Amino acid sequence: MDTVINIRTQKKVRDEARKVFAQMGLTTSAGINLFLQQVIAEKGLPFTPTRNPEKLRKAWDTEVSAALRSNKPSRDAKELLTKLK
């Protein structure tokens, strides 16, 4: 059964989020539901809150570089899906 959640946010935040969701082909409700599903899947926030985006970006770049160095390319989609299991 669906339920309704009422939240308070600034009008500007709502409007900007609505535009981003629309560009993705989503309604605001669908976007917020995706966020809530990710909270459940991650058992926490699906992102790292920070006031220092440069530090976060550096850590992300380091992690991606390490992953790219350690992974061999897959020959096809079936092999990739097998690796992901």
PDB file of N, CA and C in Angstrom:
ATOM      1  N   MET A   1       0.849  -1.174   0.000  1.00  0.00           N
ATOM      2  CA  MET A   1       0.000   0.000   0.000  1.00  0.00           C
ATOM      3  C   MET A   1       0.899   1.242   0.000  1.00  0.00           C
ATOM      4  N   ASP A   2       0.553   2.200  -0.838  1.00  0.00           N
ATOM      5  CA  ASP A   2       1.303   3.450  -0.885  1.00  0.00           C
ATOM      6  C   ASP A   2       0.958   4.326   0.311  1.00  0.00           C
ATOM      7  N   THR A   3       1.888   5.171   0.673  1.00  0.00           N
ATOM      8  CA  THR A   3       1.686   6.114   1.762  1.00  0.00           C
ATOM      9  C   THR A   3       2.226   7.468   1.330  1.00  0.00           C
ATOM     10  N   VAL A   4       1.870   8.495   2.046  1.00  0.00           N
ATOM     11  CA  VAL A   4       2.292   9.854   1.730  1.00  0.00           C
ATOM     12  C   VAL A   4       3.265  10.326   2.798  1.00  0.00           C
ATOM     13  N   ILE A   5       4.370  10.948   2.352  1.00  0.00           N
ATOM     14  CA  ILE A   5       5.338  11.550   3.267  1.00  0.00           C
ATOM     15  C   ILE A   5       5.338  13.049   3.000  1.00  0.00           C
ATOM     16  N   ASN A   6       5.158  13.830   4.019  1.00  0.00           N
ATOM     17  CA  ASN A   6       5.243  15.286   3.887  1.00  0.00           C
ATOM     18  C   ASN A   6       6.586  15.741   4.442  1.00  0.00           C
ATOM     19  N   ILE A   7       7.315  16.534   3.667  1.00  0.00           N
ATOM     20  CA  ILE A   7       8.597  17.059   4.126  1.00  0.00           C
ATOM     21  C   ILE A   7       8.617  18.568   3.923  1.00  0.00           C
ATOM     22  N   ARG A   8       9.482  19.219   4.658  1.00  0.00           N
ATOM     23  CA  ARG A   8       9.688  20.654   4.474  1.00  0.00           C
ATOM     24  C   ARG A   8      11.047  20.848   3.830  1.00  0.00           C
ATOM     25  N   THR A   9      11.060  21.663   2.791  1.00  0.00           N
ATOM     26  CA  THR A   9      12.301  22.012   2.125  1.00  0.00           C
ATOM     27  C   THR A   9      12.124  23.396   1.511  1.00  0.00           C
ATOM     28  N   GLN A  10      13.225  23.990   1.145  1.00  0.00           N
ATOM     29  CA  GLN A  10      13.137  25.306   0.519  1.00  0.00           C
ATOM     30  C   GLN A  10      12.576  25.150  -0.890  1.00  0.00           C
ATOM     31  N   LYS A  11      11.792  26.128  -1.309  1.00  0.00           N
ATOM     32  CA  LYS A  11      11.178  26.104  -2.636  1.00  0.00           C
ATOM     33  C   LYS A  11      12.237  25.972  -3.718  1.00  0.00           C
ATOM     34  N   LYS A  12      13.353  26.681  -3.578  1.00  0.00           N
ATOM     35  CA  LYS A  12      14.418  26.634  -4.576  1.00  0.00           C
ATOM     36  C   LYS A  12      14.986  25.222  -4.690  1.00  0.00           C
ATOM     37  N   VAL A  13      15.179  24.554  -3.550  1.00  0.00           N
ATOM     38  CA  VAL A  13      15.702  23.185  -3.550  1.00  0.00           C
ATOM     39  C   VAL A  13      14.713  22.267  -4.270  1.00  0.00           C
ATOM     40  N   ARG A  14      13.451  22.374  -3.937  1.00  0.00           N
ATOM     41  CA  ARG A  14      12.426  21.544  -4.579  1.00  0.00           C
ATOM     42  C   ARG A  14      12.407  21.769  -6.084  1.00  0.00           C
ATOM     43  N   ASP A  15      12.420  23.029  -6.494  1.00  0.00           N
ATOM     44  CA  ASP A  15      12.344  23.352  -7.918  1.00  0.00           C
ATOM     45  C   ASP A  15      13.564  22.859  -8.688  1.00  0.00           C
ATOM     46  N   GLU A  16      14.750  23.024  -8.104  1.00  0.00           N
ATOM     47  CA  GLU A  16      15.973  22.565  -8.775  1.00  0.00           C
ATOM     48  C   GLU A  16      16.005  21.038  -8.864  1.00  0.00           C
ATOM     49  N   ALA A  17      15.595  20.373  -7.780  1.00  0.00           N
ATOM     50  CA  ALA A  17      15.543  18.904  -7.792  1.00  0.00           C
ATOM     51  C   ALA A  17      14.522  18.428  -8.818  1.00  0.00           C
ATOM     52  N   ARG A  18      13.398  19.082  -8.895  1.00  0.00           N
ATOM     53  CA  ARG A  18      12.358  18.718  -9.853  1.00  0.00           C
ATOM     54  C   ARG A  18      12.900  18.794 -11.283  1.00  0.00           C
ATOM     55  N   LYS A  19      13.690  19.837 -11.576  1.00  0.00           N
ATOM     56  CA  LYS A  19      14.279  19.983 -12.911  1.00  0.00           C
ATOM     57  C   LYS A  19      15.249  18.842 -13.212  1.00  0.00           C
ATOM     58  N   VAL A  20      16.086  18.502 -12.229  1.00  0.00           N
ATOM     59  CA  VAL A  20      17.050  17.408 -12.423  1.00  0.00           C
ATOM     60  C   VAL A  20      16.307  16.102 -12.659  1.00  0.00           C
ATOM     61  N   PHE A  21      15.315  15.809 -11.841  1.00  0.00           N
ATOM     62  CA  PHE A  21      14.537  14.590 -12.018  1.00  0.00           C
ATOM     63  C   PHE A  21      13.880  14.562 -13.392  1.00  0.00           C
ATOM     64  N   ALA A  22      13.319  15.681 -13.815  1.00  0.00           N
ATOM     65  CA  ALA A  22      12.655  15.753 -15.122  1.00  0.00           C
ATOM     66  C   ALA A  22      13.643  15.464 -16.249  1.00  0.00           C
ATOM     67  N   GLN A  23      14.873  15.966 -16.118  1.00  0.00           N
ATOM     68  CA  GLN A  23      15.896  15.695 -17.136  1.00  0.00           C
ATOM     69  C   GLN A  23      16.230  14.206 -17.201  1.00  0.00           C
ATOM     70  N   MET A  24      16.024  13.527 -16.090  1.00  0.00           N
ATOM     71  CA  MET A  24      16.284  12.088 -16.026  1.00  0.00           C
ATOM     72  C   MET A  24      15.049  11.276 -16.403  1.00  0.00           C
ATOM     73  N   GLY A  25      13.954  11.967 -16.700  1.00  0.00           N
ATOM     74  CA  GLY A  25      12.706  11.285 -17.039  1.00  0.00           C
ATOM     75  C   GLY A  25      11.950  10.780 -15.834  1.00  0.00           C
ATOM     76  N   LEU A  26      12.213  11.393 -14.674  1.00  0.00           N
ATOM     77  CA  LEU A  26      11.577  10.971 -13.429  1.00  0.00           C
ATOM     78  C   LEU A  26      10.685  12.070 -12.866  1.00  0.00           C
ATOM     79  N   THR A  27       9.681  11.650 -12.139  1.00  0.00           N
ATOM     80  CA  THR A  27       8.926  12.603 -11.337  1.00  0.00           C
ATOM     81  C   THR A  27       9.699  12.839 -10.044  1.00  0.00           C
ATOM     82  N   THR A  28       9.349  13.883  -9.332  1.00  0.00           N
ATOM     83  CA  THR A  28       9.986  14.135  -8.043  1.00  0.00           C
ATOM     84  C   THR A  28       9.720  12.969  -7.096  1.00  0.00           C
ATOM     85  N   SER A  29       8.511  12.461  -7.112  1.00  0.00           N
ATOM     86  CA  SER A  29       8.161  11.331  -6.259  1.00  0.00           C
ATOM     87  C   SER A  29       9.018  10.104  -6.580  1.00  0.00           C
ATOM     88  N   ALA A  30       9.206   9.814  -7.863  1.00  0.00           N
ATOM     89  CA  ALA A  30      10.028   8.673  -8.253  1.00  0.00           C
ATOM     90  C   ALA A  30      11.482   8.885  -7.824  1.00  0.00           C
ATOM     91  N   GLY A  31      11.991  10.107  -7.965  1.00  0.00           N
ATOM     92  CA  GLY A  31      13.355  10.403  -7.550  1.00  0.00           C
ATOM     93  C   GLY A  31      13.557  10.209  -6.062  1.00  0.00           C
ATOM     94  N   ILE A  32      12.608  10.678  -5.280  1.00  0.00           N
ATOM     95  CA  ILE A  32      12.702  10.524  -3.825  1.00  0.00           C
ATOM     96  C   ILE A  32      12.569   9.047  -3.449  1.00  0.00           C
ATOM     97  N   ASN A  33      11.704   8.314  -4.134  1.00  0.00           N
ATOM     98  CA  ASN A  33      11.587   6.875  -3.877  1.00  0.00           C
ATOM     99  C   ASN A  33      12.877   6.143  -4.207  1.00  0.00           C
ATOM    100  N   LEU A  34      13.568   6.549  -5.284  1.00  0.00           N
ATOM    101  CA  LEU A  34      14.867   5.951  -5.595  1.00  0.00           C
ATOM    102  C   LEU A  34      15.860   6.208  -4.462  1.00  0.00           C
ATOM    103  N   PHE A  35      15.865   7.427  -3.956  1.00  0.00           N
ATOM    104  CA  PHE A  35      16.742   7.761  -2.840  1.00  0.00           C
ATOM    105  C   PHE A  35      16.436   6.861  -1.640  1.00  0.00           C
ATOM    106  N   LEU A  36      15.175   6.715  -1.300  1.00  0.00           N
ATOM    107  CA  LEU A  36      14.801   5.895  -0.146  1.00  0.00           C
ATOM    108  C   LEU A  36      15.190   4.432  -0.358  1.00  0.00           C
ATOM    109  N   GLN A  37      15.037   3.919  -1.577  1.00  0.00           N
ATOM    110  CA  GLN A  37      15.447   2.544  -1.870  1.00  0.00           C
ATOM    111  C   GLN A  37      16.958   2.377  -1.702  1.00  0.00           C
ATOM    112  N   GLN A  38      17.726   3.386  -2.095  1.00  0.00           N
ATOM    113  CA  GLN A  38      19.179   3.323  -1.929  1.00  0.00           C
ATOM    114  C   GLN A  38      19.570   3.387  -0.453  1.00  0.00           C
ATOM    115  N   VAL A  39      18.855   4.160   0.342  1.00  0.00           N
ATOM    116  CA  VAL A  39      19.102   4.201   1.786  1.00  0.00           C
ATOM    117  C   VAL A  39      18.923   2.800   2.368  1.00  0.00           C
ATOM    118  N   ILE A  40      17.882   2.118   1.935  1.00  0.00           N
ATOM    119  CA  ILE A  40      17.629   0.753   2.415  1.00  0.00           C
ATOM    120  C   ILE A  40      18.744  -0.180   1.952  1.00  0.00           C
ATOM    121  N   ALA A  41      19.100  -0.114   0.667  1.00  0.00           N
ATOM    122  CA  ALA A  41      20.129  -1.012   0.121  1.00  0.00           C
ATOM    123  C   ALA A  41      21.486  -0.784   0.779  1.00  0.00           C
ATOM    124  N   GLU A  42      21.827   0.466   1.041  1.00  0.00           N
ATOM    125  CA  GLU A  42      23.118   0.807   1.637  1.00  0.00           C
ATOM    126  C   GLU A  42      23.107   0.718   3.158  1.00  0.00           C
ATOM    127  N   LYS A  43      21.904   0.619   3.721  1.00  0.00           N
ATOM    128  CA  LYS A  43      21.731   0.662   5.177  1.00  0.00           C
ATOM    129  C   LYS A  43      22.354   1.941   5.745  1.00  0.00           C
ATOM    130  N   GLY A  44      22.124   3.021   5.040  1.00  0.00           N
ATOM    131  CA  GLY A  44      22.654   4.338   5.401  1.00  0.00           C
ATOM    132  C   GLY A  44      22.520   5.263   4.210  1.00  0.00           C
ATOM    133  N   LEU A  45      23.144   6.405   4.290  1.00  0.00           N
ATOM    134  CA  LEU A  45      23.086   7.342   3.178  1.00  0.00           C
ATOM    135  C   LEU A  45      23.831   6.786   1.970  1.00  0.00           C
ATOM    136  N   PRO A  46      23.280   6.963   0.770  1.00  0.00           N
ATOM    137  CA  PRO A  46      23.934   6.433  -0.427  1.00  0.00           C
ATOM    138  C   PRO A  46      25.016   7.365  -0.977  1.00  0.00           C
ATOM    139  N   PHE A  47      25.522   8.228  -0.146  1.00  0.00           N
ATOM    140  CA  PHE A  47      26.589   9.152  -0.520  1.00  0.00           C
ATOM    141  C   PHE A  47      27.294   9.580   0.752  1.00  0.00           C
ATOM    142  N   THR A  48      28.469  10.187   0.599  1.00  0.00           N
ATOM    143  CA  THR A  48      29.215  10.664   1.752  1.00  0.00           C
ATOM    144  C   THR A  48      28.981  12.164   1.910  1.00  0.00           C
ATOM    145  N   PRO A  49      28.284  12.573   2.958  1.00  0.00           N
ATOM    146  CA  PRO A  49      28.085  14.006   3.158  1.00  0.00           C
ATOM    147  C   PRO A  49      29.434  14.682   3.425  1.00  0.00           C
ATOM    148  N   THR A  50      29.683  15.786   2.757  1.00  0.00           N
ATOM    149  CA  THR A  50      30.949  16.475   2.955  1.00  0.00           C
ATOM    150  C   THR A  50      30.806  17.956   2.625  1.00  0.00           C
ATOM    151  N   ARG A  51      31.634  18.728   3.261  1.00  0.00           N
ATOM    152  CA  ARG A  51      31.732  20.145   2.920  1.00  0.00           C
ATOM    153  C   ARG A  51      33.003  20.383   2.119  1.00  0.00           C
ATOM    154  N   ASN A  52      33.716  19.284   1.820  1.00  0.00           N
ATOM    155  CA  ASN A  52      34.970  19.376   1.096  1.00  0.00           C
ATOM    156  C   ASN A  52      34.897  18.481  -0.143  1.00  0.00           C
ATOM    157  N   PRO A  53      34.241  18.940  -1.216  1.00  0.00           N
ATOM    158  CA  PRO A  53      34.072  18.091  -2.392  1.00  0.00           C
ATOM    159  C   PRO A  53      35.387  17.715  -3.075  1.00  0.00           C
ATOM    160  N   GLU A  54      36.417  18.554  -2.916  1.00  0.00           N
ATOM    161  CA  GLU A  54      37.711  18.221  -3.523  1.00  0.00           C
ATOM    162  C   GLU A  54      38.303  16.964  -2.886  1.00  0.00           C
ATOM    163  N   LYS A  55      38.196  16.863  -1.571  1.00  0.00           N
ATOM    164  CA  LYS A  55      38.705  15.687  -0.852  1.00  0.00           C
ATOM    165  C   LYS A  55      37.928  14.441  -1.280  1.00  0.00           C
ATOM    166  N   LEU A  56      36.618  14.560  -1.381  1.00  0.00           N
ATOM    167  CA  LEU A  56      35.789  13.441  -1.798  1.00  0.00           C
ATOM    168  C   LEU A  56      36.131  13.023  -3.226  1.00  0.00           C
ATOM    169  N   ARG A  57      36.318  14.002  -4.109  1.00  0.00           N
ATOM    170  CA  ARG A  57      36.656  13.703  -5.502  1.00  0.00           C
ATOM    171  C   ARG A  57      38.009  13.002  -5.600  1.00  0.00           C
ATOM    172  N   LYS A  58      38.978  13.441  -4.798  1.00  0.00           N
ATOM    173  CA  LYS A  58      40.305  12.819  -4.806  1.00  0.00           C
ATOM    174  C   LYS A  58      40.207  11.359  -4.363  1.00  0.00           C
ATOM    175  N   ALA A  59      39.449  11.111  -3.319  1.00  0.00           N
ATOM    176  CA  ALA A  59      39.276   9.741  -2.833  1.00  0.00           C
ATOM    177  C   ALA A  59      38.574   8.886  -3.890  1.00  0.00           C
ATOM    178  N   TRP A  60      37.576   9.443  -4.533  1.00  0.00           N
ATOM    179  CA  TRP A  60      36.843   8.729  -5.592  1.00  0.00           C
ATOM    180  C   TRP A  60      37.781   8.401  -6.752  1.00  0.00           C
ATOM    181  N   ASP A  61      38.566   9.385  -7.192  1.00  0.00           N
ATOM    182  CA  ASP A  61      39.495   9.169  -8.301  1.00  0.00           C
ATOM    183  C   ASP A  61      40.522   8.089  -7.967  1.00  0.00           C
ATOM    184  N   THR A  62      41.016   8.089  -6.718  1.00  0.00           N
ATOM    185  CA  THR A  62      41.974   7.071  -6.284  1.00  0.00           C
ATOM    186  C   THR A  62      41.335   5.689  -6.332  1.00  0.00           C
ATOM    187  N   GLU A  63      40.114   5.588  -5.847  1.00  0.00           N
ATOM    188  CA  GLU A  63      39.406   4.306  -5.831  1.00  0.00           C
ATOM    189  C   GLU A  63      39.140   3.806  -7.254  1.00  0.00           C
ATOM    190  N   VAL A  64      38.716   4.693  -8.125  1.00  0.00           N
ATOM    191  CA  VAL A  64      38.438   4.308  -9.512  1.00  0.00           C
ATOM    192  C   VAL A  64      39.724   3.872 -10.209  1.00  0.00           C
ATOM    193  N   SER A  65      40.804   4.609 -10.004  1.00  0.00           N
ATOM    194  CA  SER A  65      42.089   4.241 -10.623  1.00  0.00           C
ATOM    195  C   SER A  65      42.537   2.856 -10.177  1.00  0.00           C
ATOM    196  N   ALA A  66      42.411   2.576  -8.892  1.00  0.00           N
ATOM    197  CA  ALA A  66      42.801   1.265  -8.368  1.00  0.00           C
ATOM    198  C   ALA A  66      41.935   0.164  -8.974  1.00  0.00           C
ATOM    199  N   ALA A  67      40.646   0.416  -9.090  1.00  0.00           N
ATOM    200  CA  ALA A  67      39.736  -0.579  -9.663  1.00  0.00           C
ATOM    201  C   ALA A  67      40.072  -0.826 -11.129  1.00  0.00           C
ATOM    202  N   LEU A  68      40.372   0.227 -11.863  1.00  0.00           N
ATOM    203  CA  LEU A  68      40.711   0.068 -13.277  1.00  0.00           C
ATOM    204  C   LEU A  68      42.011  -0.716 -13.460  1.00  0.00           C
ATOM    205  N   ARG A  69      42.985  -0.501 -12.581  1.00  0.00           N
ATOM    206  CA  ARG A  69      44.267  -1.216 -12.671  1.00  0.00           C
ATOM    207  C   ARG A  69      44.113  -2.699 -12.339  1.00  0.00           C
ATOM    208  N   SER A  70      43.223  -3.007 -11.404  1.00  0.00           N
ATOM    209  CA  SER A  70      43.114  -4.385 -10.926  1.00  0.00           C
ATOM    210  C   SER A  70      42.158  -5.243 -11.749  1.00  0.00           C
ATOM    211  N   ASN A  71      41.311  -4.643 -12.538  1.00  0.00           N
ATOM    212  CA  ASN A  71      40.323  -5.398 -13.302  1.00  0.00           C
ATOM    213  C   ASN A  71      40.780  -5.618 -14.733  1.00  0.00           C
ATOM    214  N   LYS A  72      40.568  -6.846 -15.198  1.00  0.00           N
ATOM    215  CA  LYS A  72      40.822  -7.151 -16.599  1.00  0.00           C
ATOM    216  C   LYS A  72      39.530  -6.903 -17.365  1.00  0.00           C
ATOM    217  N   PRO A  73      39.623  -6.416 -18.595  1.00  0.00           N
ATOM    218  CA  PRO A  73      38.409  -6.182 -19.383  1.00  0.00           C
ATOM    219  C   PRO A  73      37.655  -7.491 -19.623  1.00  0.00           C
ATOM    220  N   SER A  74      36.348  -7.395 -19.701  1.00  0.00           N
ATOM    221  CA  SER A  74      35.526  -8.557 -20.004  1.00  0.00           C
ATOM    222  C   SER A  74      35.406  -8.703 -21.513  1.00  0.00           C
ATOM    223  N   ARG A  75      35.335  -9.946 -21.966  1.00  0.00           N
ATOM    224  CA  ARG A  75      35.201 -10.195 -23.406  1.00  0.00           C
ATOM    225  C   ARG A  75      33.800  -9.880 -23.902  1.00  0.00           C
ATOM    226  N   ASP A  76      32.809 -10.091 -23.033  1.00  0.00           N
ATOM    227  CA  ASP A  76      31.425  -9.844 -23.438  1.00  0.00           C
ATOM    228  C   ASP A  76      30.578  -9.612 -22.192  1.00  0.00           C
ATOM    229  N   ALA A  77      29.311  -9.302 -22.409  1.00  0.00           N
ATOM    230  CA  ALA A  77      28.406  -8.983 -21.301  1.00  0.00           C
ATOM    231  C   ALA A  77      28.216 -10.176 -20.363  1.00  0.00           C
ATOM    232  N   LYS A  78      28.169 -11.383 -20.926  1.00  0.00           N
ATOM    233  CA  LYS A  78      27.974 -12.575 -20.085  1.00  0.00           C
ATOM    234  C   LYS A  78      29.133 -12.725 -19.099  1.00  0.00           C
ATOM    235  N   GLU A  79      30.373 -12.530 -19.582  1.00  0.00           N
ATOM    236  CA  GLU A  79      31.530 -12.633 -18.709  1.00  0.00           C
ATOM    237  C   GLU A  79      31.512 -11.541 -17.637  1.00  0.00           C
ATOM    238  N   LEU A  80      31.112 -10.336 -18.017  1.00  0.00           N
ATOM    239  CA  LEU A  80      31.016  -9.240 -17.054  1.00  0.00           C
ATOM    240  C   LEU A  80      30.015  -9.564 -15.959  1.00  0.00           C
ATOM    241  N   LEU A  81      28.844 -10.062 -16.331  1.00  0.00           N
ATOM    242  CA  LEU A  81      27.821 -10.398 -15.344  1.00  0.00           C
ATOM    243  C   LEU A  81      28.289 -11.510 -14.415  1.00  0.00           C
ATOM    244  N   THR A  82      29.059 -12.451 -14.941  1.00  0.00           N
ATOM    245  CA  THR A  82      29.615 -13.517 -14.104  1.00  0.00           C
ATOM    246  C   THR A  82      30.567 -12.943 -13.067  1.00  0.00           C
ATOM    247  N   LYS A  83      31.400 -11.966 -13.466  1.00  0.00           N
ATOM    248  CA  LYS A  83      32.335 -11.337 -12.538  1.00  0.00           C
ATOM    249  C   LYS A  83      31.616 -10.558 -11.433  1.00  0.00           C
ATOM    250  N   LEU A  84      30.451 -10.026 -11.746  1.00  0.00           N
ATOM    251  CA  LEU A  84      29.726  -9.201 -10.785  1.00  0.00           C
ATOM    252  C   LEU A  84      29.030 -10.019  -9.713  1.00  0.00           C
ATOM    253  N   LYS A  85      28.862 -11.320  -9.917  1.00  0.00           N
ATOM    254  CA  LYS A  85      28.160 -12.164  -8.941  1.00  0.00           C
ATOM    255  C   LYS A  85      28.989 -12.428  -7.729  1.00  0.00           C
TER     256      LYS A  85
END
